[in-house]
């Protein structure tokens, strides 16, 4: 029972710290006391992912769904989910989804949201700023690049603008 109480306390502390970090990097709408209302924090994170990140990533990765195959057919769908990310998703949820499953927009978005949340958790774990530039960089280049600096430029004009804004405001 003591371990359970300690575990729940640690989760609450982590959620509180995440709220502070995300609020610091994302802007005023996420600055709130997550101890008082964890649901509000979750709603704001979902809003940020769904209203800001997903449209931006879809436009940058596939011209909003026009190009469904990328990286020599190793990235698929509106959000260009790589086969590596699909494999990680299958391992996490003990599923066996295939490339064809990713071509359905709802499925592609579901994996994209999961992957973005995974990136946010990794940034927090590595004590890095959880910001649009970091998330987009890791979404595009892979989590294995988490310790590399965000590039100052990019061949994709959408990502290039985000990275330039990041360094301008740094």
N, C-alpha and C. Protein backbone atom coordinates (compact mmCIF):
# COMPACT_ATOMS: atom_id res chain seq x y z
N UNK A 1 0.82 -1.19 0.00
CA UNK A 1 0.00 0.00 0.00
C UNK A 1 0.87 1.26 0.00
N UNK A 2 1.99 1.21 0.77
CA UNK A 2 2.88 2.37 0.81
C UNK A 2 3.50 2.63 -0.56
N UNK A 3 3.83 1.54 -1.27
CA UNK A 3 4.41 1.69 -2.60
C UNK A 3 3.40 2.33 -3.56
N UNK A 4 2.15 1.95 -3.44
CA UNK A 4 1.11 2.51 -4.29
C UNK A 4 0.96 4.01 -4.05
N UNK A 5 0.93 4.40 -2.77
CA UNK A 5 0.81 5.81 -2.41
C UNK A 5 2.02 6.59 -2.93
N UNK A 6 3.22 6.03 -2.77
CA UNK A 6 4.42 6.67 -3.26
C UNK A 6 4.38 6.79 -4.79
N UNK A 7 3.93 5.75 -5.45
CA UNK A 7 3.82 5.75 -6.91
C UNK A 7 2.85 6.83 -7.38
N UNK A 8 1.69 6.93 -6.74
CA UNK A 8 0.70 7.94 -7.11
C UNK A 8 1.23 9.36 -6.86
N UNK A 9 1.97 9.52 -5.75
CA UNK A 9 2.56 10.82 -5.46
C UNK A 9 3.58 11.21 -6.53
N UNK A 10 4.42 10.26 -6.94
CA UNK A 10 5.43 10.53 -7.98
C UNK A 10 4.77 10.89 -9.31
N UNK A 11 3.69 10.22 -9.65
CA UNK A 11 2.97 10.55 -10.88
C UNK A 11 2.45 11.98 -10.81
N UNK A 12 1.90 12.36 -9.66
CA UNK A 12 1.37 13.72 -9.50
C UNK A 12 2.48 14.76 -9.64
N UNK A 13 3.65 14.46 -9.08
CA UNK A 13 4.79 15.38 -9.18
C UNK A 13 5.25 15.51 -10.64
N UNK A 14 5.33 14.38 -11.34
CA UNK A 14 5.74 14.39 -12.75
C UNK A 14 4.75 15.19 -13.59
N UNK A 15 3.47 14.98 -13.38
CA UNK A 15 2.45 15.72 -14.13
C UNK A 15 2.56 17.21 -13.83
N UNK A 16 2.83 17.56 -12.59
CA UNK A 16 2.98 18.97 -12.21
C UNK A 16 4.17 19.59 -12.94
N UNK A 17 5.30 18.89 -12.94
CA UNK A 17 6.50 19.39 -13.61
C UNK A 17 6.26 19.50 -15.11
N UNK A 18 5.59 18.51 -15.69
CA UNK A 18 5.27 18.56 -17.12
C UNK A 18 4.42 19.79 -17.43
N UNK A 19 3.48 20.07 -16.57
CA UNK A 19 2.62 21.24 -16.78
C UNK A 19 3.42 22.53 -16.77
N UNK A 20 4.37 22.63 -15.86
CA UNK A 20 5.21 23.82 -15.79
C UNK A 20 6.06 23.94 -17.05
N UNK A 21 6.72 22.85 -17.43
CA UNK A 21 7.58 22.87 -18.62
C UNK A 21 6.78 23.18 -19.88
N UNK A 22 5.67 22.53 -20.06
CA UNK A 22 4.87 22.74 -21.26
C UNK A 22 4.28 24.14 -21.24
N UNK A 23 3.84 24.61 -20.10
CA UNK A 23 3.32 25.97 -20.00
C UNK A 23 4.39 27.00 -20.33
N UNK A 24 5.61 26.76 -19.89
CA UNK A 24 6.71 27.69 -20.15
C UNK A 24 7.02 27.78 -21.65
N UNK A 25 6.98 26.66 -22.33
CA UNK A 25 7.38 26.64 -23.74
C UNK A 25 6.23 26.92 -24.69
N UNK A 26 5.00 26.60 -24.34
CA UNK A 26 3.90 26.72 -25.29
C UNK A 26 3.17 28.04 -25.19
N UNK A 27 3.15 28.65 -24.05
CA UNK A 27 2.43 29.92 -23.97
C UNK A 27 1.43 29.93 -22.83
N UNK A 28 0.72 31.06 -22.70
CA UNK A 28 -0.15 31.31 -21.56
C UNK A 28 -1.26 30.29 -21.37
N UNK A 29 -1.82 29.77 -22.46
CA UNK A 29 -2.99 28.90 -22.30
C UNK A 29 -2.68 27.60 -21.60
N UNK A 30 -1.40 27.23 -21.45
CA UNK A 30 -1.09 26.01 -20.70
C UNK A 30 -0.57 26.30 -19.30
N UNK A 31 -0.46 27.57 -18.95
CA UNK A 31 0.02 27.90 -17.61
C UNK A 31 -1.13 27.77 -16.61
N UNK A 32 -1.17 26.65 -15.94
CA UNK A 32 -2.23 26.43 -14.97
C UNK A 32 -1.72 25.48 -13.89
N UNK A 33 -2.42 25.43 -12.80
CA UNK A 33 -2.02 24.58 -11.69
C UNK A 33 -2.57 23.18 -11.93
N UNK A 34 -1.70 22.28 -12.42
CA UNK A 34 -2.19 20.94 -12.74
C UNK A 34 -2.52 20.13 -11.49
N UNK A 35 -2.05 20.56 -10.33
CA UNK A 35 -2.43 19.86 -9.10
C UNK A 35 -3.92 20.01 -8.83
N UNK A 36 -4.47 21.15 -9.18
CA UNK A 36 -5.88 21.40 -8.92
C UNK A 36 -6.77 20.77 -9.97
N UNK A 37 -6.28 20.67 -11.22
CA UNK A 37 -7.15 20.19 -12.27
C UNK A 37 -6.35 19.52 -13.39
N UNK A 38 -6.02 18.26 -13.21
CA UNK A 38 -5.28 17.52 -14.23
C UNK A 38 -6.05 17.45 -15.54
N UNK A 39 -7.37 17.41 -15.49
CA UNK A 39 -8.17 17.32 -16.70
C UNK A 39 -7.97 18.55 -17.58
N UNK A 40 -7.85 19.72 -16.97
CA UNK A 40 -7.64 20.95 -17.73
C UNK A 40 -6.30 20.92 -18.46
N UNK A 41 -5.28 20.43 -17.79
CA UNK A 41 -3.96 20.28 -18.42
C UNK A 41 -4.06 19.37 -19.63
N UNK A 42 -4.74 18.25 -19.50
CA UNK A 42 -4.88 17.28 -20.58
C UNK A 42 -5.66 17.89 -21.75
N UNK A 43 -6.70 18.63 -21.46
CA UNK A 43 -7.49 19.28 -22.51
C UNK A 43 -6.61 20.25 -23.28
N UNK A 44 -5.80 21.05 -22.58
CA UNK A 44 -4.94 22.01 -23.26
C UNK A 44 -3.85 21.34 -24.08
N UNK A 45 -3.29 20.25 -23.59
CA UNK A 45 -2.30 19.52 -24.37
C UNK A 45 -2.94 18.93 -25.62
N UNK A 46 -4.13 18.35 -25.46
CA UNK A 46 -4.85 17.82 -26.63
C UNK A 46 -5.14 18.92 -27.64
N UNK A 47 -5.54 20.07 -27.14
CA UNK A 47 -5.85 21.20 -28.02
C UNK A 47 -4.60 21.63 -28.79
N UNK A 48 -3.48 21.71 -28.11
CA UNK A 48 -2.22 22.08 -28.76
C UNK A 48 -1.85 21.06 -29.84
N UNK A 49 -1.98 19.79 -29.53
CA UNK A 49 -1.63 18.74 -30.50
C UNK A 49 -2.58 18.79 -31.68
N UNK A 50 -3.88 18.82 -31.41
CA UNK A 50 -4.87 18.71 -32.48
C UNK A 50 -5.01 19.99 -33.31
N UNK A 51 -4.90 21.16 -32.67
CA UNK A 51 -5.14 22.40 -33.40
C UNK A 51 -3.88 23.05 -33.96
N UNK A 52 -2.74 22.77 -33.35
CA UNK A 52 -1.51 23.41 -33.83
C UNK A 52 -0.55 22.43 -34.49
N UNK A 53 -0.24 21.34 -33.79
CA UNK A 53 0.78 20.43 -34.32
C UNK A 53 0.29 19.58 -35.48
N UNK A 54 -0.87 18.94 -35.35
CA UNK A 54 -1.32 18.04 -36.42
C UNK A 54 -1.48 18.74 -37.77
N UNK A 55 -2.15 19.90 -37.84
CA UNK A 55 -2.25 20.56 -39.15
C UNK A 55 -0.88 20.95 -39.72
N UNK A 56 0.01 21.42 -38.86
CA UNK A 56 1.33 21.82 -39.29
C UNK A 56 2.12 20.62 -39.82
N UNK A 57 2.09 19.52 -39.08
CA UNK A 57 2.82 18.31 -39.49
C UNK A 57 2.22 17.74 -40.77
N UNK A 58 0.90 17.70 -40.88
CA UNK A 58 0.27 17.18 -42.09
C UNK A 58 0.67 18.00 -43.31
N UNK A 59 0.71 19.30 -43.15
CA UNK A 59 1.09 20.16 -44.27
C UNK A 59 2.56 19.95 -44.63
N UNK A 60 3.41 19.88 -43.62
CA UNK A 60 4.85 19.73 -43.87
C UNK A 60 5.19 18.34 -44.43
N UNK A 61 4.55 17.31 -43.91
CA UNK A 61 4.92 15.94 -44.28
C UNK A 61 4.29 15.46 -45.58
N UNK A 62 3.03 15.85 -45.86
CA UNK A 62 2.34 15.27 -47.02
C UNK A 62 1.51 16.28 -47.81
N UNK A 63 1.78 17.56 -47.62
CA UNK A 63 0.95 18.61 -48.23
C UNK A 63 -0.52 18.37 -47.90
N UNK A 64 -0.75 18.07 -46.64
CA UNK A 64 -2.09 17.84 -46.07
C UNK A 64 -2.80 16.65 -46.72
N UNK A 65 -2.05 15.59 -46.93
CA UNK A 65 -2.64 14.34 -47.41
C UNK A 65 -2.58 14.14 -48.91
N UNK A 66 -1.94 15.05 -49.64
CA UNK A 66 -1.83 14.88 -51.09
C UNK A 66 -0.84 13.77 -51.43
N UNK A 67 0.27 13.74 -50.71
CA UNK A 67 1.31 12.72 -50.95
C UNK A 67 1.29 11.73 -49.78
N UNK A 68 0.78 10.53 -50.02
CA UNK A 68 0.60 9.56 -48.95
C UNK A 68 1.78 8.61 -48.78
N UNK A 69 2.72 8.63 -49.70
CA UNK A 69 3.88 7.75 -49.62
C UNK A 69 5.14 8.60 -49.62
N UNK A 70 5.99 8.41 -48.63
CA UNK A 70 7.24 9.16 -48.54
C UNK A 70 8.39 8.25 -48.16
N UNK A 71 9.58 8.79 -48.21
CA UNK A 71 10.79 8.05 -47.83
C UNK A 71 10.83 6.66 -48.48
N UNK A 72 10.68 6.63 -49.79
CA UNK A 72 10.71 5.37 -50.56
C UNK A 72 9.68 4.37 -50.03
N UNK A 73 8.48 4.86 -49.77
CA UNK A 73 7.34 4.07 -49.26
C UNK A 73 7.55 3.55 -47.83
N UNK A 74 8.50 4.12 -47.10
CA UNK A 74 8.71 3.72 -45.71
C UNK A 74 7.98 4.63 -44.72
N UNK A 75 7.37 5.69 -45.22
CA UNK A 75 6.53 6.57 -44.40
C UNK A 75 5.20 6.72 -45.13
N UNK A 76 4.12 6.58 -44.37
CA UNK A 76 2.81 6.48 -45.02
C UNK A 76 1.77 7.40 -44.40
N UNK A 77 0.85 7.85 -45.24
CA UNK A 77 -0.33 8.56 -44.79
C UNK A 77 -0.12 10.05 -44.64
N UNK A 78 -1.18 10.69 -44.22
CA UNK A 78 -1.23 12.15 -44.07
C UNK A 78 -0.13 12.67 -43.16
N UNK A 79 0.21 11.90 -42.11
CA UNK A 79 1.21 12.34 -41.14
C UNK A 79 2.54 11.62 -41.33
N UNK A 80 2.67 10.89 -42.46
CA UNK A 80 3.90 10.21 -42.83
C UNK A 80 4.49 9.39 -41.67
N UNK A 81 3.71 8.45 -41.19
CA UNK A 81 4.15 7.57 -40.11
C UNK A 81 5.16 6.58 -40.68
N UNK A 82 6.33 6.53 -40.06
CA UNK A 82 7.36 5.61 -40.55
C UNK A 82 7.04 4.19 -40.10
N UNK A 83 7.62 3.24 -40.80
CA UNK A 83 7.41 1.84 -40.42
C UNK A 83 8.01 1.55 -39.04
N UNK A 84 9.06 2.26 -38.67
CA UNK A 84 9.65 2.12 -37.33
C UNK A 84 8.65 2.58 -36.26
N UNK A 85 7.99 3.71 -36.49
CA UNK A 85 7.00 4.21 -35.53
C UNK A 85 5.83 3.23 -35.46
N UNK A 86 5.39 2.71 -36.60
CA UNK A 86 4.31 1.72 -36.60
C UNK A 86 4.71 0.48 -35.81
N UNK A 87 5.95 0.04 -35.97
CA UNK A 87 6.44 -1.12 -35.22
C UNK A 87 6.43 -0.84 -33.72
N UNK A 88 6.88 0.36 -33.33
CA UNK A 88 6.86 0.74 -31.91
C UNK A 88 5.43 0.80 -31.38
N UNK A 89 4.52 1.33 -32.19
CA UNK A 89 3.11 1.40 -31.80
C UNK A 89 2.56 -0.02 -31.59
N UNK A 90 2.85 -0.91 -32.53
CA UNK A 90 2.38 -2.30 -32.42
C UNK A 90 2.93 -2.97 -31.16
N UNK A 91 4.19 -2.72 -30.85
CA UNK A 91 4.79 -3.31 -29.64
C UNK A 91 4.13 -2.74 -28.38
N UNK A 92 3.91 -1.43 -28.38
CA UNK A 92 3.32 -0.78 -27.20
C UNK A 92 1.91 -1.28 -26.92
N UNK A 93 1.11 -1.41 -27.98
CA UNK A 93 -0.29 -1.78 -27.81
C UNK A 93 -0.59 -3.24 -28.15
N UNK A 94 0.48 -4.01 -28.38
CA UNK A 94 0.36 -5.44 -28.69
C UNK A 94 -0.64 -5.67 -29.83
N UNK A 95 -0.42 -4.93 -30.91
CA UNK A 95 -1.24 -5.06 -32.10
C UNK A 95 -0.35 -5.52 -33.25
N UNK A 96 -0.95 -5.73 -34.38
CA UNK A 96 -0.20 -6.18 -35.55
C UNK A 96 -0.68 -5.42 -36.79
N UNK A 97 -0.78 -4.09 -36.68
CA UNK A 97 -1.25 -3.28 -37.78
C UNK A 97 -0.21 -3.24 -38.90
N UNK A 98 -0.71 -3.07 -40.12
CA UNK A 98 0.15 -3.10 -41.30
C UNK A 98 0.17 -1.74 -41.99
N UNK A 99 0.96 -1.67 -43.07
CA UNK A 99 1.05 -0.44 -43.87
C UNK A 99 -0.33 0.01 -44.36
N UNK A 100 -1.13 -0.92 -44.81
CA UNK A 100 -2.46 -0.57 -45.33
C UNK A 100 -3.34 0.08 -44.26
N UNK A 101 -3.22 -0.35 -43.04
CA UNK A 101 -3.97 0.22 -41.92
C UNK A 101 -3.62 1.69 -41.75
N UNK A 102 -2.34 2.03 -41.98
CA UNK A 102 -1.89 3.41 -41.83
C UNK A 102 -2.45 4.34 -42.89
N UNK A 103 -2.92 3.80 -44.00
CA UNK A 103 -3.43 4.65 -45.08
C UNK A 103 -4.84 5.17 -44.80
N UNK A 104 -5.46 4.68 -43.75
CA UNK A 104 -6.76 5.20 -43.31
C UNK A 104 -6.47 6.41 -42.42
N UNK A 105 -7.02 7.57 -42.79
CA UNK A 105 -6.69 8.83 -42.10
C UNK A 105 -6.84 8.76 -40.59
N UNK A 106 -7.92 8.17 -40.11
CA UNK A 106 -8.16 8.11 -38.65
C UNK A 106 -7.06 7.31 -37.95
N UNK A 107 -6.62 6.24 -38.56
CA UNK A 107 -5.56 5.41 -37.98
C UNK A 107 -4.23 6.16 -38.00
N UNK A 108 -3.95 6.81 -39.10
CA UNK A 108 -2.72 7.57 -39.25
C UNK A 108 -2.65 8.67 -38.19
N UNK A 109 -3.78 9.37 -37.99
CA UNK A 109 -3.83 10.43 -36.99
C UNK A 109 -3.67 9.87 -35.58
N UNK A 110 -4.27 8.74 -35.31
CA UNK A 110 -4.17 8.10 -34.00
C UNK A 110 -2.71 7.80 -33.66
N UNK A 111 -1.97 7.26 -34.62
CA UNK A 111 -0.56 6.94 -34.39
C UNK A 111 0.25 8.24 -34.29
N UNK A 112 -0.09 9.24 -35.09
CA UNK A 112 0.62 10.52 -35.03
C UNK A 112 0.48 11.16 -33.64
N UNK A 113 -0.73 11.17 -33.10
CA UNK A 113 -0.95 11.74 -31.76
C UNK A 113 -0.16 10.97 -30.72
N UNK A 114 -0.19 9.64 -30.80
CA UNK A 114 0.59 8.82 -29.86
C UNK A 114 2.07 9.15 -29.97
N UNK A 115 2.56 9.28 -31.20
CA UNK A 115 3.97 9.55 -31.43
C UNK A 115 4.36 10.94 -30.91
N UNK A 116 3.51 11.93 -31.11
CA UNK A 116 3.78 13.27 -30.60
C UNK A 116 3.85 13.25 -29.08
N UNK A 117 2.93 12.55 -28.44
CA UNK A 117 2.97 12.44 -26.97
C UNK A 117 4.24 11.73 -26.51
N UNK A 118 4.68 10.74 -27.27
CA UNK A 118 5.91 10.02 -26.95
C UNK A 118 7.11 10.97 -27.07
N UNK A 119 7.10 11.82 -28.07
CA UNK A 119 8.17 12.81 -28.24
C UNK A 119 8.18 13.79 -27.07
N UNK A 120 7.01 14.27 -26.69
CA UNK A 120 6.91 15.20 -25.55
C UNK A 120 7.46 14.55 -24.28
N UNK A 121 7.09 13.31 -24.02
CA UNK A 121 7.60 12.60 -22.85
C UNK A 121 9.11 12.44 -22.91
N UNK A 122 9.65 12.15 -24.08
CA UNK A 122 11.10 12.00 -24.24
C UNK A 122 11.82 13.33 -23.99
N UNK A 123 11.25 14.43 -24.49
CA UNK A 123 11.86 15.74 -24.26
C UNK A 123 11.89 16.07 -22.76
N UNK A 124 10.81 15.77 -22.08
CA UNK A 124 10.76 16.02 -20.64
C UNK A 124 11.78 15.15 -19.92
N UNK A 125 11.85 13.89 -20.29
CA UNK A 125 12.80 12.96 -19.68
C UNK A 125 14.24 13.43 -19.85
N UNK A 126 14.54 14.05 -20.99
CA UNK A 126 15.89 14.53 -21.27
C UNK A 126 16.11 15.99 -20.86
N UNK A 127 15.14 16.55 -20.12
CA UNK A 127 15.22 17.94 -19.64
C UNK A 127 15.42 18.94 -20.77
N UNK A 128 14.73 18.70 -21.88
CA UNK A 128 14.78 19.61 -23.02
C UNK A 128 13.47 20.38 -23.10
N UNK A 129 13.53 21.55 -23.68
CA UNK A 129 12.35 22.38 -23.82
C UNK A 129 11.32 21.69 -24.71
N UNK A 130 10.10 21.60 -24.22
CA UNK A 130 9.00 21.03 -24.99
C UNK A 130 8.39 22.18 -25.79
N UNK A 131 8.84 22.31 -27.03
CA UNK A 131 8.37 23.41 -27.87
C UNK A 131 8.12 22.89 -29.28
N UNK A 132 7.44 23.68 -30.06
CA UNK A 132 7.06 23.29 -31.41
C UNK A 132 8.27 22.87 -32.24
N UNK A 133 9.37 23.61 -32.13
CA UNK A 133 10.56 23.30 -32.93
C UNK A 133 11.14 21.94 -32.57
N UNK A 134 11.27 21.65 -31.28
CA UNK A 134 11.79 20.35 -30.85
C UNK A 134 10.87 19.22 -31.30
N UNK A 135 9.58 19.39 -31.11
CA UNK A 135 8.63 18.34 -31.47
C UNK A 135 8.68 18.08 -32.97
N UNK A 136 8.66 19.13 -33.77
CA UNK A 136 8.69 18.96 -35.23
C UNK A 136 10.01 18.35 -35.69
N UNK A 137 11.11 18.78 -35.10
CA UNK A 137 12.42 18.23 -35.47
C UNK A 137 12.46 16.72 -35.21
N UNK A 138 12.03 16.31 -34.03
CA UNK A 138 12.07 14.88 -33.69
C UNK A 138 11.02 14.09 -34.46
N UNK A 139 9.89 14.70 -34.73
CA UNK A 139 8.86 14.02 -35.54
C UNK A 139 9.42 13.73 -36.93
N UNK A 140 10.12 14.68 -37.49
CA UNK A 140 10.64 14.54 -38.85
C UNK A 140 11.91 13.69 -38.92
N UNK A 141 12.79 13.82 -37.93
CA UNK A 141 14.09 13.15 -38.01
C UNK A 141 14.19 11.88 -37.20
N UNK A 142 13.32 11.70 -36.21
CA UNK A 142 13.34 10.51 -35.38
C UNK A 142 13.84 10.78 -33.97
N UNK A 143 13.34 10.00 -33.03
CA UNK A 143 13.69 10.17 -31.62
C UNK A 143 15.18 9.91 -31.35
N UNK A 144 15.84 9.18 -32.22
CA UNK A 144 17.27 8.90 -32.02
C UNK A 144 18.10 10.19 -32.09
N UNK A 145 17.52 11.27 -32.59
CA UNK A 145 18.23 12.56 -32.69
C UNK A 145 17.95 13.49 -31.53
N UNK A 146 17.41 12.96 -30.46
CA UNK A 146 16.97 13.81 -29.35
C UNK A 146 18.11 14.63 -28.74
N UNK A 147 19.33 14.13 -28.76
CA UNK A 147 20.45 14.86 -28.16
C UNK A 147 21.17 15.76 -29.16
N UNK A 148 20.70 15.79 -30.39
CA UNK A 148 21.29 16.66 -31.40
C UNK A 148 20.58 18.00 -31.38
N UNK A 149 21.29 19.08 -31.72
CA UNK A 149 20.64 20.39 -31.73
C UNK A 149 19.63 20.50 -32.88
N UNK A 150 18.64 21.33 -32.67
CA UNK A 150 17.67 21.61 -33.72
C UNK A 150 18.42 22.33 -34.84
N UNK A 151 18.24 21.89 -36.08
CA UNK A 151 18.95 22.57 -37.17
C UNK A 151 18.45 24.00 -37.36
N UNK A 152 19.31 24.84 -37.87
CA UNK A 152 18.92 26.23 -38.09
C UNK A 152 18.15 26.39 -39.39
N UNK A 153 18.19 25.39 -40.24
CA UNK A 153 17.45 25.44 -41.49
C UNK A 153 16.96 24.04 -41.83
N UNK A 154 16.12 23.94 -42.84
CA UNK A 154 15.56 22.64 -43.25
C UNK A 154 15.11 22.76 -44.70
N UNK A 155 15.15 21.64 -45.42
CA UNK A 155 14.73 21.69 -46.83
C UNK A 155 13.22 21.95 -46.95
N UNK A 156 12.45 21.53 -45.95
CA UNK A 156 11.01 21.78 -45.94
C UNK A 156 10.78 23.19 -45.43
N UNK A 157 10.09 24.00 -46.20
CA UNK A 157 9.91 25.42 -45.84
C UNK A 157 9.13 25.62 -44.55
N UNK A 158 8.18 24.74 -44.26
CA UNK A 158 7.40 24.87 -43.03
C UNK A 158 8.29 24.62 -41.81
N UNK A 159 9.05 23.53 -41.85
CA UNK A 159 9.97 23.25 -40.74
C UNK A 159 11.06 24.32 -40.65
N UNK A 160 11.55 24.78 -41.79
CA UNK A 160 12.58 25.82 -41.82
C UNK A 160 12.11 27.06 -41.06
N UNK A 161 10.88 27.48 -41.31
CA UNK A 161 10.33 28.66 -40.64
C UNK A 161 10.23 28.44 -39.12
N UNK A 162 9.78 27.27 -38.72
CA UNK A 162 9.66 26.97 -37.28
C UNK A 162 11.02 26.97 -36.61
N UNK A 163 12.02 26.38 -37.26
CA UNK A 163 13.37 26.33 -36.68
C UNK A 163 13.98 27.73 -36.61
N UNK A 164 13.75 28.55 -37.63
CA UNK A 164 14.27 29.91 -37.62
C UNK A 164 13.61 30.74 -36.52
N UNK A 165 12.30 30.57 -36.31
CA UNK A 165 11.61 31.27 -35.22
C UNK A 165 12.16 30.85 -33.86
N UNK A 166 12.47 29.56 -33.74
CA UNK A 166 13.02 29.03 -32.49
C UNK A 166 14.33 29.75 -32.16
N UNK A 167 15.23 29.85 -33.12
CA UNK A 167 16.53 30.49 -32.86
C UNK A 167 16.39 32.01 -32.72
N UNK A 168 15.43 32.59 -33.37
CA UNK A 168 15.18 34.02 -33.26
C UNK A 168 14.73 34.38 -31.83
N UNK A 169 13.91 33.51 -31.24
CA UNK A 169 13.36 33.76 -29.91
C UNK A 169 14.20 33.19 -28.79
N UNK A 170 15.27 32.54 -29.12
CA UNK A 170 16.10 31.89 -28.11
C UNK A 170 16.96 32.89 -27.37
